[in-house]
Protein backbone atom coordinates (compact mmCIF):
# COMPACT_ATOMS: atom_id res chain seq x y z
CA MET A 1 7.87 3.41 -32.81
CA LEU A 2 5.68 4.09 -29.76
CA MET A 3 2.53 6.27 -29.89
CA SER A 4 3.08 9.56 -28.18
CA GLN A 5 0.45 10.64 -25.59
CA SER A 6 2.80 13.42 -24.39
CA ASP A 7 5.67 15.55 -25.62
CA GLN A 8 7.83 13.96 -22.89
CA LYS A 9 7.55 10.56 -21.39
CA VAL A 10 9.34 7.65 -19.67
CA ILE A 11 9.07 4.00 -20.87
CA ILE A 12 9.01 1.10 -18.42
CA ILE A 13 10.04 -2.26 -19.90
CA ASP A 14 8.19 -4.97 -18.02
CA PHE A 15 9.90 -8.34 -17.26
CA GLY A 16 6.92 -9.67 -15.28
CA SER A 17 7.33 -8.31 -11.75
CA GLN A 18 4.15 -8.24 -9.67
CA VAL A 19 5.04 -4.65 -8.67
CA THR A 20 6.00 -3.19 -12.09
CA GLN A 21 2.90 -0.96 -12.13
CA LEU A 22 4.07 0.63 -8.84
CA ILE A 23 6.98 2.05 -10.85
CA ALA A 24 4.44 3.69 -13.19
CA ARG A 25 2.49 4.81 -10.17
CA GLN A 26 5.50 6.59 -8.64
CA ILE A 27 6.32 8.31 -11.88
CA ARG A 28 2.72 9.42 -12.50
CA GLU A 29 2.51 10.79 -8.91
CA LEU A 30 5.59 12.87 -9.69
CA GLY A 31 3.67 14.39 -12.61
CA VAL A 32 5.37 12.63 -15.53
CA TYR A 33 3.66 10.57 -18.23
CA CYS A 34 4.98 7.06 -18.65
CA GLU A 35 4.12 3.98 -20.74
CA LEU A 36 4.58 0.32 -19.69
CA ILE A 37 5.58 -2.04 -22.50
CA ASN A 38 6.39 -5.78 -22.53
CA TYR A 39 9.99 -6.73 -23.17
CA LYS A 40 8.91 -8.75 -26.27
CA PHE A 41 7.37 -5.64 -27.75
CA PHE A 42 10.55 -3.72 -27.05
CA ASN A 43 12.58 -6.27 -28.99
CA LYS A 44 10.39 -5.71 -32.01
CA LEU A 45 10.83 -1.88 -31.92
CA ASN A 46 13.16 -0.21 -34.39
CA LYS A 47 13.48 3.04 -32.46
CA PHE A 48 11.77 5.25 -29.92
CA ASP A 49 10.12 8.57 -30.80
CA LYS A 50 11.78 11.77 -29.59
CA SER A 51 9.46 12.16 -26.69
CA VAL A 52 11.12 9.30 -24.73
CA LYS A 53 13.40 10.81 -22.12
CA GLY A 54 14.17 7.82 -19.96
CA ILE A 55 13.97 4.02 -19.84
CA ILE A 56 13.30 1.91 -16.72
CA LEU A 57 13.89 -1.87 -16.63
CA SER A 58 11.55 -3.63 -14.18
CA GLY A 59 12.03 -6.52 -11.87
CA GLY A 60 10.89 -10.02 -12.77
CA PRO A 61 10.11 -13.49 -11.37
CA LYS A 62 12.84 -15.37 -13.33
CA SER A 63 16.56 -15.59 -12.89
CA THR A 64 18.85 -13.89 -15.38
CA LEU A 65 20.95 -17.09 -15.14
CA ASN A 66 18.20 -19.08 -16.71
CA LYS A 67 18.60 -19.65 -20.47
CA SER A 68 14.93 -18.97 -21.07
CA ALA A 69 14.93 -15.73 -19.00
CA PRO A 70 13.55 -12.58 -20.69
CA LYS A 71 16.27 -10.47 -22.34
CA ILE A 72 16.58 -7.30 -24.41
CA ASN A 73 19.31 -5.80 -26.53
CA ILE A 74 20.21 -2.74 -24.44
CA SER A 75 22.34 -1.36 -27.25
CA LYS A 76 19.09 -0.61 -29.15
CA ILE A 77 18.49 2.26 -26.63
CA ASN A 78 19.92 5.54 -27.84
CA GLN A 79 22.97 6.48 -25.87
CA ASN A 80 21.47 9.86 -24.97
CA ILE A 81 18.52 8.15 -23.14
CA PRO A 82 19.19 7.50 -19.45
CA ILE A 83 18.41 4.01 -18.06
CA LEU A 84 17.40 2.85 -14.62
CA GLY A 85 17.38 -0.93 -13.89
CA ILE A 86 15.54 -2.34 -10.88
CA CYS A 87 16.29 -5.84 -9.38
CA TYR A 88 16.09 -8.06 -12.48
CA GLY A 89 16.81 -4.99 -14.56
CA HIS A 90 19.90 -4.29 -12.36
CA GLN A 91 21.27 -7.77 -13.04
CA LEU A 92 20.37 -7.61 -16.77
CA ILE A 93 22.39 -4.38 -17.11
CA SER A 94 25.35 -5.84 -15.32
CA ASN A 95 25.34 -8.99 -17.46
CA PHE A 96 24.94 -6.96 -20.72
CA PHE A 97 27.94 -4.72 -20.06
CA GLY A 98 30.27 -7.56 -19.01
CA GLY A 99 29.63 -8.05 -15.38
CA LYS A 100 28.50 -11.36 -13.82
CA THR A 101 25.52 -12.45 -11.73
CA LYS A 102 25.55 -15.47 -9.45
CA PHE A 103 22.98 -17.41 -7.46
CA SER A 104 23.16 -16.40 -3.80
CA LYS A 105 23.01 -19.18 -1.18
CA LYS A 106 21.71 -16.61 1.22
CA LYS A 107 18.58 -15.06 -0.26
CA GLU A 108 17.50 -11.50 0.50
CA PHE A 109 13.74 -11.03 1.00
CA GLY A 110 12.22 -8.19 2.99
CA ASN A 111 13.81 -5.18 4.70
CA ALA A 112 17.56 -4.70 4.33
CA THR A 113 19.92 -1.97 5.53
CA LEU A 114 21.66 -0.14 2.70
CA PHE A 115 25.03 1.63 3.22
CA GLU A 116 26.13 4.52 1.03
CA LYS A 117 29.58 4.14 -0.52
CA LYS A 118 29.70 6.99 -2.95
CA LYS A 119 27.71 10.10 -3.82
CA SER A 120 25.48 10.01 -6.89
CA LEU A 121 22.80 12.12 -8.57
CA LEU A 122 20.47 9.10 -8.25
CA THR A 123 20.70 9.02 -4.46
CA ASN A 124 20.77 12.73 -3.67
CA GLY A 125 18.72 13.08 -0.46
CA PHE A 126 17.99 9.33 -0.30
CA PHE A 127 20.33 8.44 2.51
CA LYS A 128 20.29 9.71 6.07
CA ASN A 129 23.68 9.51 7.74
CA LYS A 130 24.76 7.24 4.87
CA ILE A 131 22.19 4.56 5.82
CA ASN A 132 18.67 3.68 4.59
CA THR A 133 16.18 0.84 4.87
CA VAL A 134 15.10 -0.71 1.60
CA TRP A 135 13.02 -3.67 0.32
CA MET A 136 14.89 -6.56 -1.25
CA SER A 137 13.35 -9.49 -3.11
CA HIS A 138 16.03 -11.56 -4.97
CA SER A 139 17.87 -14.87 -5.03
CA ASP A 140 20.61 -13.72 -7.54
CA SER A 141 23.16 -11.04 -7.00
CA VAL A 142 25.66 -9.15 -9.10
CA ASP A 143 29.00 -10.77 -8.36
CA ILE A 144 31.35 -8.85 -10.70
CA ILE A 145 30.48 -5.37 -11.85
CA PRO A 146 31.06 -4.20 -15.51
CA ARG A 147 33.90 -1.84 -16.50
CA LYS A 148 33.25 1.87 -15.99
CA PHE A 149 30.49 1.14 -13.43
CA LYS A 150 30.93 2.50 -9.84
CA VAL A 151 29.42 1.11 -6.66
CA ILE A 152 27.11 3.62 -4.98
CA ALA A 153 25.71 1.44 -2.15
CA SER A 154 25.90 -1.99 -0.53
CA SER A 155 23.88 -4.14 1.80
CA SER A 156 25.15 -7.11 3.85
CA ASN A 157 24.13 -9.57 1.19
CA SER A 158 24.48 -7.35 -1.98
CA LYS A 159 27.93 -5.72 -2.34
CA PHE A 160 26.69 -4.01 -5.50
CA ALA A 161 23.23 -2.87 -4.49
CA ILE A 162 23.41 0.42 -6.49
CA LEU A 163 25.56 0.83 -9.55
CA GLU A 164 26.13 3.75 -11.93
CA HIS A 165 27.78 4.46 -15.26
CA LYS A 166 27.89 8.23 -14.97
CA GLU A 167 28.97 9.15 -18.49
CA ARG A 168 26.41 6.85 -20.13
CA LYS A 169 23.71 7.81 -17.53
CA ILE A 170 23.00 4.21 -16.65
CA TYR A 171 21.90 3.43 -13.03
CA SER A 172 20.60 0.28 -11.38
CA THR A 173 19.39 -0.86 -7.96
CA GLN A 174 19.14 -4.37 -6.55
CA PHE A 175 16.33 -3.26 -4.21
CA HIS A 176 12.82 -2.07 -5.14
CA PRO A 177 12.48 1.71 -4.70
CA GLU A 178 8.91 1.51 -6.01
CA VAL A 179 7.49 -0.38 -3.03
CA PHE A 180 6.10 1.28 0.09
CA HIS A 181 8.55 -0.58 2.35
CA THR A 182 11.62 1.18 0.85
CA ASN A 183 12.10 4.30 2.91
CA ASN A 184 12.16 7.43 0.73
CA GLY A 185 12.06 5.35 -2.44
CA LYS A 186 10.30 8.10 -4.39
CA LYS A 187 13.48 10.12 -4.06
CA ILE A 188 15.19 7.70 -6.43
CA PHE A 189 12.56 8.25 -9.09
CA PHE A 190 12.56 12.05 -8.44
CA ASN A 191 16.27 12.19 -9.03
CA PHE A 192 16.18 9.96 -12.05
CA LEU A 193 13.43 11.95 -13.67
CA PHE A 194 14.38 15.51 -12.93
CA LYS A 195 18.17 15.41 -12.31
CA ILE A 196 19.20 12.74 -14.78
CA CYS A 197 16.48 12.68 -17.50
CA ASN A 198 15.69 16.35 -17.10
CA VAL A 199 12.02 15.62 -17.89
CA ARG A 200 9.24 18.14 -17.21
CA LYS A 201 6.13 17.67 -15.04
CA ASN A 202 3.33 17.22 -17.54
CA TRP A 203 0.86 14.72 -16.22
CA THR A 204 -1.90 15.95 -13.93
CA ASP A 205 -5.37 14.59 -12.97
CA ASN A 206 -6.98 17.01 -15.42
CA LYS A 207 -4.62 15.77 -18.17
CA LYS A 208 -5.62 12.13 -17.37
CA ILE A 209 -9.28 12.99 -17.47
CA SER A 210 -8.85 14.83 -20.80
CA ASN A 211 -6.80 11.94 -22.24
CA ILE A 212 -9.41 9.36 -21.26
CA ILE A 213 -12.35 11.48 -22.56
CA ASN A 214 -10.62 11.99 -25.90
CA LYS A 215 -10.02 8.21 -26.24
CA ILE A 216 -13.71 7.48 -25.44
CA LYS A 217 -14.90 10.05 -27.87
CA PHE A 218 -12.64 8.68 -30.56
CA SER A 219 -13.84 5.10 -30.01
CA VAL A 220 -17.60 5.75 -29.60
CA LYS A 221 -19.30 6.93 -32.73
CA ASN A 222 -22.35 9.26 -32.75
CA ASN A 223 -25.15 6.70 -32.68
CA GLU A 224 -23.30 4.07 -30.57
CA LYS A 225 -24.10 3.53 -26.89
CA VAL A 226 -22.02 2.44 -23.98
CA LEU A 227 -23.33 0.17 -21.24
CA CYS A 228 -21.61 1.02 -17.93
CA ALA A 229 -21.54 -1.84 -15.38
CA LEU A 230 -22.42 0.26 -12.32
CA SER A 231 -22.01 -1.47 -9.00
CA GLY A 232 -21.95 1.68 -6.88
CA GLY A 233 -18.38 1.12 -5.79
CA VAL A 234 -15.68 3.78 -6.11
CA ASP A 235 -14.35 2.63 -9.51
CA SER A 236 -17.63 2.15 -11.36
CA SER A 237 -19.11 5.29 -9.84
CA VAL A 238 -16.19 7.43 -11.01
CA LEU A 239 -16.33 5.73 -14.43
CA ALA A 240 -20.01 6.53 -14.76
CA HIS A 241 -19.40 10.21 -14.08
CA LEU A 242 -16.49 10.24 -16.53
CA LEU A 243 -18.54 8.59 -19.27
CA PHE A 244 -21.38 10.93 -18.63
CA LYS A 245 -19.04 13.87 -19.06
CA ALA A 246 -17.64 12.33 -22.30
CA ILE A 247 -20.75 11.01 -24.07
CA LYS A 248 -23.86 11.97 -22.01
CA ARG A 249 -26.85 10.72 -24.04
CA ASN A 250 -24.86 7.75 -25.40
CA LEU A 251 -24.47 6.35 -21.77
CA ILE A 252 -26.66 3.68 -20.19
CA CYS A 253 -25.80 2.68 -16.61
CA VAL A 254 -26.93 -0.79 -15.44
CA TYR A 255 -26.80 -2.09 -11.88
CA VAL A 256 -27.30 -5.82 -11.43
CA ASP A 257 -28.69 -7.01 -8.12
CA THR A 258 -26.99 -10.40 -7.76
CA GLY A 259 -28.51 -11.22 -4.37
CA LEU A 260 -24.96 -11.20 -3.15
CA MET A 261 -24.84 -7.51 -2.19
CA ARG A 262 -24.46 -6.03 1.26
CA MET A 263 -27.61 -5.32 3.30
CA GLY A 264 -29.53 -2.33 1.82
CA GLU A 265 -27.10 -1.91 -1.04
CA THR A 266 -29.57 -2.03 -3.87
CA GLU A 267 -31.88 0.51 -2.24
CA GLU A 268 -28.97 2.86 -1.54
CA ILE A 269 -27.58 2.65 -5.13
CA ASN A 270 -31.02 3.26 -6.57
CA ARG A 271 -31.50 6.35 -4.43
CA ILE A 272 -28.09 7.82 -5.43
CA PHE A 273 -28.04 7.06 -9.14
CA LYS A 274 -31.67 7.33 -10.14
CA ASN A 275 -31.45 11.04 -9.33
CA LYS A 276 -28.09 11.53 -11.06
CA PHE A 277 -28.65 9.58 -14.35
CA LYS A 278 -32.49 9.45 -14.38
CA LYS A 279 -33.74 7.59 -17.47
CA SER A 280 -30.24 6.29 -18.29
CA PHE A 281 -30.07 4.18 -15.09
CA TYR A 282 -31.52 0.66 -14.89
CA ILE A 283 -31.64 -1.99 -12.15
CA ILE A 284 -31.85 -5.67 -13.09
CA ASN A 285 -33.04 -8.12 -10.47
CA ALA A 286 -30.96 -11.29 -11.16
CA LYS A 287 -30.96 -12.80 -7.62
CA ASN A 288 -32.44 -16.12 -8.61
CA ILE A 289 -30.22 -16.56 -11.62
CA PHE A 290 -27.01 -16.13 -9.70
CA LEU A 291 -28.14 -18.30 -6.75
CA LYS A 292 -29.31 -21.08 -9.09
CA LYS A 293 -26.01 -21.10 -11.04
CA LEU A 294 -23.83 -20.97 -7.89
CA LYS A 295 -25.79 -23.80 -6.12
CA ASN A 296 -23.33 -26.45 -4.75
CA ILE A 297 -20.32 -24.58 -6.19
CA SER A 298 -17.55 -24.31 -3.66
CA ASP A 299 -14.37 -23.81 -5.75
CA PRO A 300 -13.54 -20.08 -5.67
CA GLU A 301 -12.23 -19.96 -9.24
CA LYS A 302 -15.40 -21.58 -10.54
CA LYS A 303 -17.48 -19.07 -8.60
CA ARG A 304 -15.62 -16.11 -10.09
CA LYS A 305 -15.85 -17.46 -13.68
CA ILE A 306 -19.59 -18.33 -13.25
CA ILE A 307 -20.31 -14.83 -11.98
CA GLY A 308 -18.29 -13.20 -14.77
CA ASN A 309 -20.19 -15.19 -17.44
CA ILE A 310 -23.60 -14.45 -15.91
CA PHE A 311 -22.86 -10.71 -15.85
CA ILE A 312 -21.92 -10.79 -19.54
CA LYS A 313 -25.07 -12.74 -20.48
CA ILE A 314 -27.23 -10.34 -18.60
CA PHE A 315 -25.63 -7.37 -20.35
CA GLU A 316 -25.84 -8.97 -23.78
CA ASN A 317 -29.58 -9.83 -23.19
CA PHE A 318 -30.06 -6.20 -22.19
CA THR A 319 -28.50 -5.02 -25.44
CA LYS A 320 -31.03 -7.11 -27.44
CA LYS A 321 -33.83 -4.93 -26.03
CA ASN A 322 -31.90 -1.70 -26.25
CA LYS A 323 -30.48 -0.86 -29.74
CA ASN A 324 -27.06 0.42 -30.65
CA ILE A 325 -25.22 -0.69 -27.45
CA LYS A 326 -21.75 -1.50 -28.72
CA PHE A 327 -19.54 -1.17 -25.69
CA LEU A 328 -19.28 -2.47 -22.12
CA ALA A 329 -17.48 -0.10 -19.71
CA GLN A 330 -16.01 -1.51 -16.51
CA GLY A 331 -14.15 0.04 -13.64
CA THR A 332 -11.32 -2.56 -13.84
CA LEU A 333 -8.16 -1.51 -11.89
CA TYR A 334 -4.54 -2.54 -12.29
CA PRO A 335 -4.56 -4.84 -9.20
CA ASP A 336 -7.47 -6.76 -10.73
CA LEU A 337 -5.42 -7.39 -13.90
CA ILE A 338 -2.18 -8.22 -12.18
CA GLU A 339 -3.89 -10.90 -10.10
CA SER A 340 -5.96 -12.31 -12.92
CA LYS A 341 -3.45 -12.31 -15.77
CA SER A 342 -0.30 -10.64 -16.98
CA PHE A 343 -1.20 -7.13 -17.91
CA SER A 344 1.59 -6.49 -20.36
CA GLY A 345 2.11 -10.09 -21.54
CA SER A 346 5.07 -10.68 -19.28
CA PRO A 347 5.55 -13.87 -17.26
CA THR A 348 3.64 -12.65 -14.17
CA SER A 349 2.21 -15.23 -11.83
CA ILE A 350 -1.64 -15.48 -11.84
CA ILE A 351 -3.09 -15.32 -8.36
CA LYS A 352 -6.82 -15.45 -8.86
CA SER A 353 -9.45 -14.57 -11.46
CA HIS A 354 -11.44 -11.41 -11.06
CA HIS A 355 -14.98 -11.67 -12.33
CA ASN A 356 -14.48 -8.68 -14.63
CA VAL A 357 -11.15 -9.90 -15.96
CA GLY A 358 -10.33 -13.62 -15.69
CA GLY A 359 -14.03 -14.43 -15.33
CA LEU A 360 -14.98 -12.98 -18.74
CA PRO A 361 -15.88 -15.35 -21.62
CA LYS A 362 -13.36 -15.46 -24.50
CA LYS A 363 -16.00 -14.42 -27.04
CA MET A 364 -18.00 -11.29 -26.33
CA LYS A 365 -20.38 -9.35 -28.49
CA LEU A 366 -19.54 -6.13 -26.65
CA LYS A 367 -16.24 -4.22 -26.94
CA LEU A 368 -14.62 -3.39 -23.63
CA ILE A 369 -13.85 0.10 -22.29
CA GLU A 370 -11.63 -0.02 -19.22
CA PRO A 371 -9.93 3.38 -18.79
CA PHE A 372 -8.73 2.66 -15.29
CA ASN A 373 -6.91 -0.62 -16.02
CA GLU A 374 -3.50 0.96 -15.51
CA MET A 375 -4.55 2.78 -12.27
CA PHE A 376 -4.88 2.11 -8.61
CA LYS A 377 -7.90 2.97 -6.49
CA ASP A 378 -6.36 6.08 -4.93
CA GLU A 379 -5.68 7.43 -8.38
CA VAL A 380 -9.29 6.84 -9.37
CA ARG A 381 -10.39 8.56 -6.22
CA LYS A 382 -8.36 11.66 -7.20
CA ILE A 383 -9.99 11.68 -10.61
CA GLY A 384 -13.41 11.36 -8.94
CA LYS A 385 -12.62 14.33 -6.74
CA SER A 386 -11.74 16.37 -9.83
CA LEU A 387 -15.09 15.35 -11.38
CA ASN A 388 -16.91 16.39 -8.17
CA VAL A 389 -18.15 12.86 -7.49
CA ASP A 390 -20.02 12.67 -4.09
CA GLN A 391 -17.56 12.19 -1.21
CA TYR A 392 -19.73 9.40 0.25
CA LEU A 393 -19.09 7.33 -2.90
CA LEU A 394 -15.37 8.16 -3.13
CA ASN A 395 -14.74 7.20 0.53
CA ARG A 396 -16.48 3.83 0.40
CA HIS A 397 -14.35 0.78 1.12
CA PRO A 398 -13.77 -1.48 -1.92
CA PHE A 399 -16.42 -4.12 -2.50
CA PRO A 400 -15.70 -7.00 -4.91
CA GLY A 401 -17.81 -7.55 -8.04
CA PRO A 402 -18.57 -11.15 -7.07
CA GLY A 403 -19.94 -9.68 -3.78
CA LEU A 404 -20.55 -11.94 -0.81
CA ALA A 405 -19.96 -15.03 -2.94
CA ILE A 406 -16.21 -14.81 -2.21
CA ARG A 407 -16.84 -14.03 1.46
CA ILE A 408 -18.70 -17.28 1.96
CA PRO A 409 -16.05 -20.02 1.42
CA GLY A 410 -17.74 -23.18 0.22
CA SER A 411 -21.26 -23.52 -1.06
CA ILE A 412 -23.73 -20.58 -0.99
CA ASP A 413 -27.41 -20.42 0.01
CA LYS A 414 -29.89 -17.69 1.04
CA LYS A 415 -29.55 -18.52 4.73
CA LYS A 416 -25.78 -18.04 4.69
CA ILE A 417 -26.10 -14.82 2.71
CA ASN A 418 -28.59 -13.42 5.19
CA ILE A 419 -26.34 -14.37 8.17
CA LEU A 420 -23.36 -12.69 6.57
CA GLN A 421 -25.27 -9.52 5.54
CA ASN A 422 -26.31 -9.03 9.14
CA ALA A 423 -22.84 -9.54 10.55
CA ASP A 424 -21.14 -7.35 7.93
CA LYS A 425 -23.61 -4.49 8.54
CA ILE A 426 -22.97 -4.55 12.25
CA PHE A 427 -19.15 -4.52 11.63
CA ILE A 428 -19.27 -1.54 9.18
CA ASP A 429 -21.75 0.38 11.26
CA GLU A 430 -19.55 -0.02 14.34
CA LEU A 431 -16.45 1.15 12.44
CA LYS A 432 -18.29 4.29 11.36
CA ALA A 433 -19.77 4.90 14.86
CA ARG A 434 -16.29 4.58 16.41
CA ASN A 435 -14.87 6.96 13.71
CA ILE A 436 -12.28 4.46 12.48
CA TYR A 437 -13.87 3.49 9.12
CA LYS A 438 -11.80 6.19 7.37
CA ASN A 439 -8.55 4.78 8.86
CA ILE A 440 -9.14 1.38 7.19
CA TRP A 441 -8.61 0.57 3.47
CA GLN A 442 -11.14 -2.26 3.49
CA ALA A 443 -13.18 -4.06 6.14
CA PHE A 444 -15.64 -6.94 5.91
CA ALA A 445 -16.97 -10.04 7.52
CA VAL A 446 -16.47 -13.64 6.25
CA LEU A 447 -18.77 -16.53 7.04
CA LEU A 448 -16.58 -19.65 7.44
CA PRO A 449 -17.84 -23.12 6.38
CA VAL A 450 -17.16 -24.21 9.93
CA LYS A 451 -19.53 -24.75 12.88
CA THR A 452 -18.41 -24.78 16.48
CA VAL A 453 -19.97 -25.60 19.88
CA GLY A 454 -20.94 -22.67 22.03
CA VAL A 455 -23.06 -21.88 25.08
CA MET A 456 -25.75 -19.17 25.14
CA GLY A 457 -27.64 -18.94 28.42
CA ASP A 458 -27.89 -22.51 29.58
CA SER A 459 -28.20 -23.93 26.08
CA ARG A 460 -25.72 -25.56 23.77
CA THR A 461 -25.29 -23.97 20.33
CA TYR A 462 -23.70 -25.30 17.22
CA ASP A 463 -23.34 -22.37 14.76
CA TYR A 464 -21.01 -20.72 12.23
CA VAL A 465 -17.71 -18.96 12.78
CA CYS A 466 -17.50 -15.35 11.53
CA ALA A 467 -14.06 -13.98 10.55
CA LEU A 468 -13.58 -10.21 10.58
CA ARG A 469 -11.04 -8.65 8.18
CA ALA A 470 -9.79 -5.09 8.25
CA VAL A 471 -6.63 -3.92 6.46
CA THR A 472 -4.61 -0.79 5.88
CA SER A 473 -3.11 -0.12 2.40
CA ILE A 474 -2.30 2.55 -0.08
CA ASP A 475 -3.01 0.81 -3.38
CA GLY A 476 -4.26 -2.71 -2.56
CA MET A 477 -1.08 -4.32 -3.89
CA THR A 478 0.26 -4.77 -0.34
CA ALA A 479 -1.70 -4.53 2.84
CA ASP A 480 -1.41 -5.06 6.63
CA TYR A 481 -4.10 -5.88 9.19
CA TYR A 482 -5.59 -3.02 11.09
CA ASN A 483 -4.44 -2.98 14.77
CA PHE A 484 -7.70 -2.57 16.69
CA LYS A 485 -7.89 -1.40 20.24
CA HIS A 486 -8.88 -4.42 22.36
CA LYS A 487 -12.03 -2.68 23.59
CA ASP A 488 -13.20 -1.99 19.98
CA ILE A 489 -12.71 -5.49 18.53
CA SER A 490 -14.11 -7.04 21.70
CA GLU A 491 -17.34 -5.00 21.64
CA ILE A 492 -17.85 -5.44 17.91
CA SER A 493 -17.39 -9.18 18.19
CA ASN A 494 -19.71 -9.38 21.17
CA ARG A 495 -22.41 -7.47 19.36
CA ILE A 496 -22.27 -9.78 16.33
CA ILE A 497 -22.59 -12.84 18.47
CA ASN A 498 -25.51 -11.47 20.42
CA GLU A 499 -27.46 -10.06 17.46
CA VAL A 500 -26.84 -12.39 14.53
CA ASN A 501 -28.69 -15.72 14.67
CA GLY A 502 -26.37 -18.44 13.25
CA ILE A 503 -23.04 -17.14 14.58
CA ASN A 504 -21.58 -18.14 17.93
CA ARG A 505 -17.83 -17.39 17.44
CA VAL A 506 -15.90 -14.47 15.99
CA VAL A 507 -12.24 -14.49 14.98
CA TYR A 508 -10.00 -11.70 13.60
CA ASP A 509 -7.76 -12.20 10.48
CA ILE A 510 -4.23 -10.81 11.14
CA THR A 511 -2.68 -11.90 7.80
CA SER A 512 -0.87 -9.34 5.70
CA LYS A 513 -0.81 -9.21 1.89
CA PRO A 514 1.41 -10.92 0.93
CA PRO A 515 1.28 -13.77 1.82
CA GLY A 516 -2.57 -13.59 1.85
CA THR A 517 -4.82 -11.70 -0.48
CA ILE A 518 -7.22 -9.12 1.00
CA GLU A 519 -10.31 -11.15 0.14
CA TRP A 520 -10.53 -14.77 1.27
CA GLU A 521 -11.37 -16.15 -2.11
């Protein structure tokens, strides 16, 4: 039986999709509490508690035609609990109830036009003139539908793109309503929650804060202290404020100067937090340690793991001098987890290690506190706003824990760091001066391990190439490049070349995510 955090909730059964948490995000934004569980965990459950009002089956990377594909016994779900299947879940439902799925020669990835065939509670207000644009990502398709299921909508490559079993309250979609690219996708979740499951809105920012604080108070005993890894970014800053509200004198905030920070970062963080947390705030100068350990290391995964290990060693050494520190608190977000490892134990593809997730050593003396590891950055910003965290901190662009180490592909040295710091500062200052910083999710400069010939005055130069990256996004799971005005990008590039010694060429990255990641390493 599942633990109940609320008197009413929805359960998401995860089959390993990279975007499963987007389902949870949509539900939470609609004010309903939900829990995400691995399909293996579901198979071990005897029953659900009475608070479960709906079940959602996620997408997944495998084919339901594969013998080793994840499966569940849907008959274990009480018949009075509505079910919504998405993509893999759509096919799983069809197969379970007697339909058939086949491998499609013509795959369907990206935008697709969906045509309404029949009215349904699930799609009330979803279509406009019986048409909508949705996001597909599948190789298999339902070929024969089960008995008692009706076709609600079709696309050119998926005859049975939405199915329903009205009496049993089972619905399924071949497309992904949870992703940003599906037009009006939230309407599907709204209808499922409030018209089919009849669940109440019960999950607000204040409820989230209260829930997190109660968990922290339950875990941290009276004489135990929590070390908060404070980088000054949005996530760690909000976490520090939340911990302060929960445990106050039991909190110790530690900022580590890795030597891989942006220009002026350490001085700025000291100015902000020394005043806020006073004697509970510490700065550790570890520049030489990081640079020494990263010397001649060019592999990005090795960089991340080295950085993660150094952070832990620094924190553990700090605890030897400061008694009763039992916990390490980190502002880890869901996108960090989904790229570093499978969050719920499902067969999700690993993209890259994050220093605070995949870079952590297997054995640690400190217990982890990561209250944001099921959230996205915009959710954390909302919590920060409720906690009255300074707007300057909340509106900062994301900055990775490994810092400039992953914005200098190849080996790292002080000279390269200095060049990149200067270029990055010009870029960010210009975005703010032109009043476009707030329109961009994340922006930064990258120093490429490439030198090119140039001409400055009458002299030949042979210097580094600087790549500029600026993206728009909602949650960091998907992103598109920011479409600069030609005048802006031209003037910014020109200023970097003229003012930063060591750079004679600037390029602009126009890669979306996917296929690229936001950071270069």
